[in-house]
Amino acid sequence: MTELQWEKSQVLPTQSKAKPAGRWKFLIIGAVILGAMAYLLFSSTLIGARYYVTVDELLGDEAMHGKTVRVSGAVDGDPVFDPETQELSFVVANIPNSNDEIREQGGLAMVLHRAVEDPTATRMQVVAHKKEIPDLLQHEAQAIMSGTLVEQNGEMVFVADEITLKCPTKYEEDVPEQVAG
């Protein structure tokens, strides 16, 4: 009978020293990506925690003057649009930034009404260039504006780049009076 001999031949190549270094590269890249994601999540959480500043806070903090900020206030009076200069101007009164405080004072409509009726409330002139009067820009609307506080002719003026408006009275449902019979 014939004898067969079986020899094991090396099928797998020996591991080279380059592979562990390749793994380290992936680990480092993964750590950098996770770190970037954590930073973005953390920074967006901080931004979301403070949607805007109040008129009082903006006028009271000189560090914010000249910087782009988001501020909110109650529109006091009617806006004025100058077609020659394409300039929109209006005044806003200070309103609180806390949702809890707004609820305690009877809701947003009540807070806006009280702000414009209060002669001691802090007010600020707002100017927007090349903007037409938005439909909701009216007396007692909430204006949330992005822009910069600058000094013009000795007076602090907020130059708005973007204006967002909320008018709570427009969306209140009229409750029909019930007649007892």
N, C-alpha and C. Protein backbone atom coordinates (compact mmCIF):
# COMPACT_ATOMS: atom_id res chain seq x y z
N MET A 1 0.77 -1.16 0.00
CA MET A 1 0.00 0.00 0.00
C MET A 1 0.83 1.24 0.00
N THR A 2 0.24 2.19 -0.55
CA THR A 2 0.94 3.47 -0.65
C THR A 2 0.68 4.30 0.60
N GLU A 3 1.72 4.89 0.92
CA GLU A 3 1.60 5.74 2.10
C GLU A 3 1.47 7.19 1.67
N LEU A 4 0.53 7.84 2.25
CA LEU A 4 0.37 9.28 1.97
C LEU A 4 0.84 10.07 3.17
N GLN A 5 1.54 11.11 2.83
CA GLN A 5 1.96 12.00 3.89
C GLN A 5 1.31 13.35 3.67
N TRP A 6 0.82 13.83 4.71
CA TRP A 6 0.15 15.13 4.63
C TRP A 6 1.00 16.16 5.32
N GLU A 7 1.29 17.22 4.56
CA GLU A 7 2.06 18.30 5.14
C GLU A 7 1.20 19.53 5.22
N LYS A 8 1.29 20.15 6.36
CA LYS A 8 0.54 21.39 6.52
C LYS A 8 1.33 22.51 5.88
N SER A 9 0.69 23.16 4.97
CA SER A 9 1.36 24.32 4.40
C SER A 9 0.75 25.58 5.03
N GLN A 10 1.54 26.60 5.08
CA GLN A 10 1.07 27.83 5.73
C GLN A 10 0.14 28.54 4.75
N VAL A 11 -1.14 28.61 5.13
CA VAL A 11 -2.14 29.23 4.28
C VAL A 11 -2.23 30.72 4.57
N LEU A 12 -2.22 31.09 5.83
CA LEU A 12 -2.34 32.49 6.20
C LEU A 12 -0.98 33.13 6.30
N PRO A 13 -0.86 34.33 5.76
CA PRO A 13 0.43 34.99 5.89
C PRO A 13 0.63 35.45 7.33
N THR A 14 1.85 35.59 7.69
CA THR A 14 2.12 36.04 9.06
C THR A 14 1.68 37.48 9.20
N GLN A 15 1.24 37.82 10.40
CA GLN A 15 0.76 39.17 10.64
C GLN A 15 1.93 40.13 10.62
N SER A 16 1.69 41.22 9.91
CA SER A 16 2.75 42.22 9.84
C SER A 16 2.54 43.25 10.95
N LYS A 17 3.52 44.00 11.20
CA LYS A 17 3.46 45.01 12.26
C LYS A 17 2.60 46.20 11.85
N ALA A 18 2.22 46.36 10.58
CA ALA A 18 1.48 47.52 10.09
C ALA A 18 0.02 47.49 10.54
N LYS A 19 -0.56 46.35 10.75
CA LYS A 19 -1.98 46.27 11.10
C LYS A 19 -2.32 46.93 12.43
N PRO A 20 -1.58 46.71 13.50
CA PRO A 20 -1.93 47.40 14.74
C PRO A 20 -1.86 48.92 14.59
N ALA A 21 -0.93 49.42 13.81
CA ALA A 21 -0.84 50.87 13.58
C ALA A 21 -2.08 51.34 12.83
N GLY A 22 -2.57 50.56 11.90
CA GLY A 22 -3.78 50.90 11.15
C GLY A 22 -4.99 50.96 12.07
N ARG A 23 -5.05 50.08 13.04
CA ARG A 23 -6.14 50.09 14.00
C ARG A 23 -6.11 51.35 14.85
N TRP A 24 -4.91 51.76 15.23
CA TRP A 24 -4.78 52.99 16.03
C TRP A 24 -5.28 54.20 15.26
N LYS A 25 -5.02 54.21 13.96
CA LYS A 25 -5.50 55.33 13.14
C LYS A 25 -7.02 55.38 13.18
N PHE A 26 -7.66 54.24 13.04
CA PHE A 26 -9.12 54.20 13.07
C PHE A 26 -9.65 54.60 14.44
N LEU A 27 -8.99 54.15 15.49
CA LEU A 27 -9.42 54.53 16.84
C LEU A 27 -9.29 56.04 17.06
N ILE A 28 -8.21 56.62 16.60
CA ILE A 28 -8.01 58.06 16.76
C ILE A 28 -9.04 58.84 15.95
N ILE A 29 -9.26 58.43 14.70
CA ILE A 29 -10.26 59.10 13.86
C ILE A 29 -11.65 58.96 14.49
N GLY A 30 -11.97 57.78 14.98
CA GLY A 30 -13.26 57.58 15.64
C GLY A 30 -13.42 58.46 16.87
N ALA A 31 -12.36 58.59 17.67
CA ALA A 31 -12.42 59.44 18.86
C ALA A 31 -12.61 60.89 18.48
N VAL A 32 -11.95 61.35 17.41
CA VAL A 32 -12.10 62.72 16.95
C VAL A 32 -13.53 62.97 16.48
N ILE A 33 -14.10 62.03 15.74
CA ILE A 33 -15.47 62.17 15.25
C ILE A 33 -16.45 62.20 16.42
N LEU A 34 -16.28 61.30 17.39
CA LEU A 34 -17.16 61.30 18.56
C LEU A 34 -17.01 62.60 19.36
N GLY A 35 -15.79 63.10 19.48
CA GLY A 35 -15.57 64.36 20.18
C GLY A 35 -16.26 65.52 19.48
N ALA A 36 -16.18 65.56 18.16
CA ALA A 36 -16.85 66.62 17.39
C ALA A 36 -18.36 66.54 17.54
N MET A 37 -18.90 65.32 17.51
CA MET A 37 -20.34 65.15 17.69
C MET A 37 -20.77 65.59 19.08
N ALA A 38 -20.00 65.26 20.10
CA ALA A 38 -20.32 65.67 21.47
C ALA A 38 -20.27 67.19 21.60
N TYR A 39 -19.28 67.83 20.99
CA TYR A 39 -19.17 69.28 21.03
C TYR A 39 -20.39 69.93 20.36
N LEU A 40 -20.77 69.45 19.17
CA LEU A 40 -21.93 70.02 18.47
C LEU A 40 -23.21 69.84 19.27
N LEU A 41 -23.39 68.69 19.87
CA LEU A 41 -24.57 68.44 20.69
C LEU A 41 -24.59 69.37 21.90
N PHE A 42 -23.47 69.51 22.57
CA PHE A 42 -23.37 70.36 23.75
C PHE A 42 -23.60 71.83 23.39
N SER A 43 -22.96 72.31 22.31
CA SER A 43 -23.10 73.72 21.95
C SER A 43 -24.51 74.03 21.48
N SER A 44 -25.16 73.13 20.77
CA SER A 44 -26.53 73.39 20.33
C SER A 44 -27.49 73.37 21.52
N THR A 45 -27.19 72.59 22.53
CA THR A 45 -28.02 72.58 23.74
C THR A 45 -27.91 73.92 24.46
N LEU A 46 -26.73 74.48 24.53
CA LEU A 46 -26.55 75.78 25.18
C LEU A 46 -27.25 76.88 24.41
N ILE A 47 -27.18 76.84 23.09
CA ILE A 47 -27.85 77.85 22.28
C ILE A 47 -29.35 77.74 22.46
N GLY A 48 -29.88 76.52 22.46
CA GLY A 48 -31.31 76.33 22.62
C GLY A 48 -31.82 76.74 23.99
N ALA A 49 -30.94 76.73 24.97
CA ALA A 49 -31.36 77.11 26.32
C ALA A 49 -31.66 78.59 26.40
N ARG A 50 -31.06 79.39 25.54
CA ARG A 50 -31.26 80.83 25.58
C ARG A 50 -31.59 81.28 24.17
N TYR A 51 -32.88 81.35 23.84
CA TYR A 51 -33.32 81.66 22.48
C TYR A 51 -33.07 83.13 22.16
N TYR A 52 -33.29 84.02 23.12
CA TYR A 52 -33.07 85.45 22.91
C TYR A 52 -32.81 86.14 24.24
N VAL A 53 -32.30 87.39 24.15
CA VAL A 53 -32.12 88.21 25.34
C VAL A 53 -33.25 89.23 25.39
N THR A 54 -33.43 89.83 26.55
CA THR A 54 -34.46 90.86 26.69
C THR A 54 -33.87 92.22 26.34
N VAL A 55 -34.74 93.20 26.16
CA VAL A 55 -34.30 94.57 25.88
C VAL A 55 -33.47 95.09 27.05
N ASP A 56 -33.92 94.82 28.28
CA ASP A 56 -33.16 95.24 29.47
C ASP A 56 -31.76 94.65 29.47
N GLU A 57 -31.65 93.35 29.20
CA GLU A 57 -30.34 92.68 29.20
C GLU A 57 -29.43 93.25 28.12
N LEU A 58 -29.97 93.49 26.94
CA LEU A 58 -29.17 94.01 25.83
C LEU A 58 -28.66 95.41 26.12
N LEU A 59 -29.53 96.29 26.56
CA LEU A 59 -29.12 97.67 26.83
C LEU A 59 -28.22 97.77 28.05
N GLY A 60 -28.37 96.83 28.99
CA GLY A 60 -27.59 96.86 30.21
C GLY A 60 -26.22 96.22 30.14
N ASP A 61 -25.94 95.45 29.09
CA ASP A 61 -24.67 94.73 28.99
C ASP A 61 -23.85 95.28 27.82
N GLU A 62 -22.86 96.11 28.13
CA GLU A 62 -22.05 96.73 27.08
C GLU A 62 -21.26 95.71 26.27
N ALA A 63 -21.02 94.52 26.82
CA ALA A 63 -20.30 93.48 26.09
C ALA A 63 -21.09 93.01 24.86
N MET A 64 -22.41 93.17 24.89
CA MET A 64 -23.24 92.75 23.75
C MET A 64 -23.35 93.83 22.68
N HIS A 65 -23.01 95.06 23.02
CA HIS A 65 -23.12 96.16 22.05
C HIS A 65 -22.16 95.92 20.90
N GLY A 66 -22.67 96.04 19.69
CA GLY A 66 -21.84 95.85 18.50
C GLY A 66 -21.72 94.41 18.05
N LYS A 67 -22.25 93.48 18.83
CA LYS A 67 -22.20 92.06 18.47
C LYS A 67 -23.58 91.61 17.96
N THR A 68 -23.59 90.58 17.14
CA THR A 68 -24.86 90.05 16.65
C THR A 68 -25.54 89.28 17.77
N VAL A 69 -26.78 89.69 18.07
CA VAL A 69 -27.56 89.05 19.12
C VAL A 69 -29.00 88.87 18.64
N ARG A 70 -29.73 88.09 19.39
CA ARG A 70 -31.16 87.91 19.15
C ARG A 70 -31.88 88.49 20.36
N VAL A 71 -32.83 89.40 20.12
CA VAL A 71 -33.53 90.10 21.19
C VAL A 71 -35.03 90.06 20.90
N SER A 72 -35.81 90.11 21.97
CA SER A 72 -37.26 90.08 21.82
C SER A 72 -37.89 91.22 22.60
N GLY A 73 -38.99 91.74 22.07
CA GLY A 73 -39.72 92.79 22.75
C GLY A 73 -41.13 92.91 22.19
N ALA A 74 -41.95 93.70 22.89
CA ALA A 74 -43.32 93.95 22.46
C ALA A 74 -43.32 95.20 21.58
N VAL A 75 -43.90 95.10 20.39
CA VAL A 75 -43.96 96.24 19.48
C VAL A 75 -44.89 97.29 20.10
N ASP A 76 -44.33 98.50 20.26
CA ASP A 76 -45.08 99.60 20.86
C ASP A 76 -45.39 100.64 19.78
N GLY A 77 -46.65 100.72 19.38
CA GLY A 77 -47.06 101.65 18.34
C GLY A 77 -46.98 101.03 16.96
N ASP A 78 -47.22 101.85 15.96
CA ASP A 78 -47.21 101.38 14.58
C ASP A 78 -45.83 101.55 13.97
N PRO A 79 -45.41 100.61 13.13
CA PRO A 79 -44.12 100.74 12.46
C PRO A 79 -44.17 101.84 11.39
N VAL A 80 -43.01 102.40 11.08
CA VAL A 80 -42.91 103.44 10.06
C VAL A 80 -41.96 102.95 8.97
N PHE A 81 -42.42 103.06 7.71
CA PHE A 81 -41.59 102.65 6.58
C PHE A 81 -41.35 103.86 5.70
N ASP A 82 -40.08 104.15 5.43
CA ASP A 82 -39.71 105.26 4.56
C ASP A 82 -39.33 104.68 3.19
N PRO A 83 -40.20 104.91 2.16
CA PRO A 83 -39.92 104.33 0.85
C PRO A 83 -38.65 104.87 0.19
N GLU A 84 -38.27 106.12 0.51
CA GLU A 84 -37.07 106.70 -0.09
C GLU A 84 -35.80 105.98 0.38
N THR A 85 -35.70 105.78 1.68
CA THR A 85 -34.50 105.15 2.24
C THR A 85 -34.63 103.64 2.40
N GLN A 86 -35.83 103.12 2.14
CA GLN A 86 -36.12 101.69 2.32
C GLN A 86 -35.82 101.28 3.77
N GLU A 87 -36.20 102.15 4.71
CA GLU A 87 -35.92 101.89 6.12
C GLU A 87 -37.21 101.69 6.89
N LEU A 88 -37.25 100.61 7.65
CA LEU A 88 -38.37 100.28 8.51
C LEU A 88 -37.95 100.56 9.94
N SER A 89 -38.76 101.29 10.69
CA SER A 89 -38.41 101.55 12.09
C SER A 89 -39.63 101.39 12.98
N PHE A 90 -39.37 100.94 14.20
CA PHE A 90 -40.41 100.77 15.21
C PHE A 90 -39.74 100.69 16.57
N VAL A 91 -40.56 100.70 17.62
CA VAL A 91 -40.06 100.67 19.00
C VAL A 91 -40.54 99.38 19.64
N VAL A 92 -39.66 98.76 20.45
CA VAL A 92 -40.07 97.58 21.22
C VAL A 92 -39.88 97.88 22.71
N ALA A 93 -40.77 97.30 23.53
CA ALA A 93 -40.70 97.41 24.98
C ALA A 93 -40.22 96.08 25.55
N ASN A 94 -39.58 96.14 26.69
CA ASN A 94 -39.03 94.95 27.35
C ASN A 94 -40.14 93.99 27.78
N ILE A 95 -39.92 92.69 27.52
CA ILE A 95 -40.79 91.63 28.04
C ILE A 95 -39.90 90.56 28.67
N PRO A 96 -40.43 89.76 29.60
CA PRO A 96 -39.59 88.73 30.24
C PRO A 96 -39.19 87.64 29.26
N ASN A 97 -38.09 86.94 29.62
CA ASN A 97 -37.55 85.87 28.79
C ASN A 97 -37.97 84.49 29.30
N SER A 98 -38.53 84.44 30.49
CA SER A 98 -38.87 83.17 31.12
C SER A 98 -40.31 82.76 30.80
N ASN A 99 -40.47 81.54 30.29
CA ASN A 99 -41.82 81.04 30.01
C ASN A 99 -42.65 80.95 31.28
N ASP A 100 -42.01 80.58 32.39
CA ASP A 100 -42.73 80.50 33.66
C ASP A 100 -43.25 81.87 34.08
N GLU A 101 -42.43 82.88 33.93
CA GLU A 101 -42.83 84.24 34.29
C GLU A 101 -43.97 84.73 33.39
N ILE A 102 -43.89 84.40 32.11
CA ILE A 102 -44.95 84.78 31.17
C ILE A 102 -46.27 84.12 31.56
N ARG A 103 -46.22 82.82 31.93
CA ARG A 103 -47.42 82.11 32.37
C ARG A 103 -47.99 82.73 33.64
N GLU A 104 -47.11 83.06 34.59
CA GLU A 104 -47.56 83.66 35.85
C GLU A 104 -48.25 85.00 35.63
N GLN A 105 -47.85 85.73 34.60
CA GLN A 105 -48.42 87.04 34.32
C GLN A 105 -49.66 86.97 33.43
N GLY A 106 -50.16 85.78 33.16
CA GLY A 106 -51.41 85.63 32.41
C GLY A 106 -51.26 85.27 30.95
N GLY A 107 -50.08 84.90 30.52
CA GLY A 107 -49.87 84.49 29.13
C GLY A 107 -49.21 85.59 28.31
N LEU A 108 -48.81 85.22 27.09
CA LEU A 108 -48.05 86.13 26.24
C LEU A 108 -48.85 87.37 25.85
N ALA A 109 -50.14 87.22 25.52
CA ALA A 109 -50.94 88.38 25.13
C ALA A 109 -51.00 89.41 26.25
N MET A 110 -51.17 88.94 27.49
CA MET A 110 -51.23 89.85 28.63
C MET A 110 -49.88 90.52 28.87
N VAL A 111 -48.79 89.76 28.74
CA VAL A 111 -47.44 90.31 28.94
C VAL A 111 -47.15 91.40 27.90
N LEU A 112 -47.51 91.14 26.65
CA LEU A 112 -47.28 92.12 25.59
C LEU A 112 -48.10 93.39 25.84
N HIS A 113 -49.35 93.22 26.24
CA HIS A 113 -50.22 94.37 26.51
C HIS A 113 -49.67 95.20 27.67
N ARG A 114 -49.29 94.54 28.74
CA ARG A 114 -48.75 95.26 29.91
C ARG A 114 -47.45 95.99 29.57
N ALA A 115 -46.61 95.38 28.74
CA ALA A 115 -45.32 95.99 28.40
C ALA A 115 -45.51 97.31 27.66
N VAL A 116 -46.42 97.34 26.70
CA VAL A 116 -46.61 98.58 25.93
C VAL A 116 -47.38 99.63 26.72
N GLU A 117 -48.18 99.20 27.70
CA GLU A 117 -48.94 100.15 28.52
C GLU A 117 -48.12 100.71 29.68
N ASP A 118 -47.04 100.04 30.04
CA ASP A 118 -46.21 100.45 31.17
C ASP A 118 -45.26 101.57 30.75
N PRO A 119 -45.45 102.79 31.28
CA PRO A 119 -44.58 103.89 30.88
C PRO A 119 -43.15 103.74 31.41
N THR A 120 -42.93 102.87 32.40
CA THR A 120 -41.59 102.67 32.96
C THR A 120 -40.82 101.54 32.29
N ALA A 121 -41.47 100.81 31.38
CA ALA A 121 -40.80 99.69 30.69
C ALA A 121 -39.67 100.23 29.80
N THR A 122 -38.57 99.52 29.76
CA THR A 122 -37.44 99.90 28.91
C THR A 122 -37.84 99.74 27.46
N ARG A 123 -37.53 100.75 26.66
CA ARG A 123 -37.86 100.72 25.24
C ARG A 123 -36.60 100.88 24.40
N MET A 124 -36.67 100.37 23.17
CA MET A 124 -35.52 100.43 22.27
C MET A 124 -36.01 100.67 20.85
N GLN A 125 -35.34 101.57 20.14
CA GLN A 125 -35.64 101.84 18.73
C GLN A 125 -35.04 100.73 17.88
N VAL A 126 -35.81 100.23 16.92
CA VAL A 126 -35.36 99.18 16.01
C VAL A 126 -35.43 99.73 14.59
N VAL A 127 -34.37 99.49 13.82
CA VAL A 127 -34.31 99.92 12.43
C VAL A 127 -33.92 98.71 11.58
N ALA A 128 -34.59 98.55 10.45
CA ALA A 128 -34.25 97.49 9.50
C ALA A 128 -34.15 98.12 8.12
N HIS A 129 -33.07 97.85 7.42
CA HIS A 129 -32.86 98.42 6.10
C HIS A 129 -33.32 97.45 5.02
N LYS A 130 -33.92 98.00 4.01
CA LYS A 130 -34.42 97.24 2.85
C LYS A 130 -35.39 96.14 3.25
N LYS A 131 -36.25 96.46 4.20
CA LYS A 131 -37.30 95.52 4.64
C LYS A 131 -38.64 96.25 4.56
N GLU A 132 -39.63 95.58 4.04
CA GLU A 132 -40.98 96.14 4.03
C GLU A 132 -41.67 95.76 5.33
N ILE A 133 -42.80 96.39 5.60
CA ILE A 133 -43.52 96.12 6.84
C ILE A 133 -44.17 94.73 6.75
N PRO A 134 -43.74 93.80 7.60
CA PRO A 134 -44.39 92.48 7.60
C PRO A 134 -45.84 92.60 8.07
N ASP A 135 -46.69 91.70 7.62
CA ASP A 135 -48.12 91.74 7.96
C ASP A 135 -48.37 91.73 9.46
N LEU A 136 -47.62 90.93 10.20
CA LEU A 136 -47.87 90.80 11.64
C LEU A 136 -47.17 91.87 12.48
N LEU A 137 -46.40 92.76 11.85
CA LEU A 137 -45.72 93.81 12.60
C LEU A 137 -46.75 94.89 12.95
N GLN A 138 -47.28 94.76 14.15
CA GLN A 138 -48.32 95.68 14.60
C GLN A 138 -48.20 95.88 16.10
N HIS A 139 -48.93 96.83 16.60
CA HIS A 139 -48.93 97.16 18.02
C HIS A 139 -49.24 95.91 18.85
N GLU A 140 -48.44 95.67 19.88
CA GLU A 140 -48.57 94.56 20.82
C GLU A 140 -48.21 93.19 20.26
N ALA A 141 -47.50 93.15 19.14
CA ALA A 141 -47.00 91.87 18.63
C ALA A 141 -45.63 91.62 19.28
N GLN A 142 -45.24 90.36 19.39
CA GLN A 142 -43.90 90.05 19.89
C GLN A 142 -42.95 90.00 18.69
N ALA A 143 -41.91 90.83 18.74
CA ALA A 143 -40.89 90.84 17.69
C ALA A 143 -39.63 90.17 18.23
N ILE A 144 -39.14 89.17 17.51
CA ILE A 144 -37.87 88.53 17.84
C ILE A 144 -36.94 88.87 16.69
N MET A 145 -35.86 89.61 17.01
CA MET A 145 -35.00 90.17 15.98
C MET A 145 -33.55 89.75 16.16
N SER A 146 -32.87 89.50 15.06
CA SER A 146 -31.44 89.25 15.06
C SER A 146 -30.78 90.48 14.47
N GLY A 147 -29.72 90.94 15.11
CA GLY A 147 -29.03 92.12 14.60
C GLY A 147 -28.01 92.62 15.58
N THR A 148 -27.72 93.93 15.49
CA THR A 148 -26.65 94.54 16.26
C THR A 148 -27.14 95.83 16.91
N LEU A 149 -26.76 96.04 18.15
CA LEU A 149 -27.05 97.30 18.84
C LEU A 149 -25.90 98.26 18.58
N VAL A 150 -26.22 99.42 17.99
CA VAL A 150 -25.20 100.41 17.65
C VAL A 150 -25.65 101.78 18.15
N GLU A 151 -24.71 102.70 18.21
CA GLU A 151 -25.04 104.07 18.60
C GLU A 151 -25.19 104.91 17.34
N GLN A 152 -26.34 105.58 17.23
CA GLN A 152 -26.61 106.48 16.10
C GLN A 152 -27.09 107.81 16.65
N ASN A 153 -26.39 108.87 16.35
CA ASN A 153 -26.75 110.22 16.81
C ASN A 153 -26.92 110.27 18.32
N GLY A 154 -26.04 109.60 19.04
CA GLY A 154 -26.07 109.63 20.50
C GLY A 154 -27.12 108.73 21.14
N GLU A 155 -27.83 107.97 20.35
CA GLU A 155 -28.88 107.08 20.85
C GLU A 155 -28.59 105.64 20.46
N MET A 156 -28.88 104.70 21.35
CA MET A 156 -28.69 103.28 21.04
C MET A 156 -29.85 102.80 20.17
N VAL A 157 -29.50 102.22 19.02
CA VAL A 157 -30.48 101.75 18.05
C VAL A 157 -30.13 100.31 17.69
N PHE A 158 -31.14 99.45 17.63
CA PHE A 158 -30.93 98.06 17.23
C PHE A 158 -31.16 97.96 15.73
N VAL A 159 -30.11 97.58 14.99
CA VAL A 159 -30.20 97.40 13.54
C VAL A 159 -30.49 95.93 13.29
N ALA A 160 -31.73 95.65 12.86
CA ALA A 160 -32.20 94.28 12.69
C ALA A 160 -31.89 93.76 11.29
N ASP A 161 -31.32 92.56 11.25
CA ASP A 161 -31.09 91.87 9.98
C ASP A 161 -32.26 90.93 9.66
N GLU A 162 -32.87 90.42 10.71
CA GLU A 162 -33.97 89.45 10.57
C GLU A 162 -35.02 89.76 11.62
N ILE A 163 -36.29 89.71 11.23
CA ILE A 163 -37.39 89.99 12.15
C ILE A 163 -38.40 88.84 12.06
N THR A 164 -38.69 88.24 13.21
CA THR A 164 -39.72 87.20 13.30
C THR A 164 -40.79 87.73 14.24
N LEU A 165 -42.04 87.50 13.91
CA LEU A 165 -43.12 88.08 14.71
C LEU A 165 -44.08 87.02 15.22
N LYS A 166 -44.59 87.30 16.42
CA LYS A 166 -45.64 86.47 17.01
C LYS A 166 -46.75 87.42 17.44
N CYS A 167 -47.95 87.11 17.07
CA CYS A 167 -49.09 87.92 17.47
C CYS A 167 -50.11 87.00 18.11
N PRO A 168 -50.06 86.81 19.43
CA PRO A 168 -50.92 85.82 20.07
C PRO A 168 -52.41 86.12 19.93
N THR A 169 -52.80 87.39 19.85
CA THR A 169 -54.22 87.71 19.77
C THR A 169 -54.80 87.26 18.44
N LYS A 170 -53.98 87.16 17.40
CA LYS A 170 -54.46 86.72 16.09
C LYS A 170 -54.91 85.26 16.12
N TYR A 171 -54.30 84.46 17.03
CA TYR A 171 -54.58 83.03 17.03
C TYR A 171 -55.49 82.59 18.17
N GLU A 172 -55.95 83.52 18.99
CA GLU A 172 -56.85 83.14 20.08
C GLU A 172 -58.21 82.78 19.49
N GLU A 173 -58.78 81.74 20.02
CA GLU A 173 -60.11 81.35 19.56
C GLU A 173 -61.16 82.16 20.30
N ASP A 174 -62.13 82.63 19.53
CA ASP A 174 -63.23 83.34 20.16
C ASP A 174 -64.18 82.31 20.75
N VAL A 175 -64.42 82.43 22.03
CA VAL A 175 -65.32 81.51 22.69
C VAL A 175 -66.73 82.10 22.59
N PRO A 176 -67.67 81.38 21.98
CA PRO A 176 -69.01 81.93 21.87
C PRO A 176 -69.68 82.01 23.24
N GLU A 177 -70.44 83.08 23.41
CA GLU A 177 -71.14 83.23 24.68
C GLU A 177 -72.28 82.23 24.71
N GLN A 178 -72.40 81.54 25.84
CA GLN A 178 -73.47 80.56 25.99
C GLN A 178 -74.69 81.25 26.59
N VAL A 179 -75.80 81.06 26.01
CA VAL A 179 -77.02 81.66 26.53
C VAL A 179 -77.75 80.61 27.34
N ALA A 180 -77.98 80.94 28.62
CA ALA A 180 -78.68 80.00 29.50
C ALA A 180 -80.16 80.07 29.18
N GLY A 181 -80.79 78.97 29.07
CA GLY A 181 -82.20 79.02 28.67
C GLY A 181 -83.09 78.20 29.48
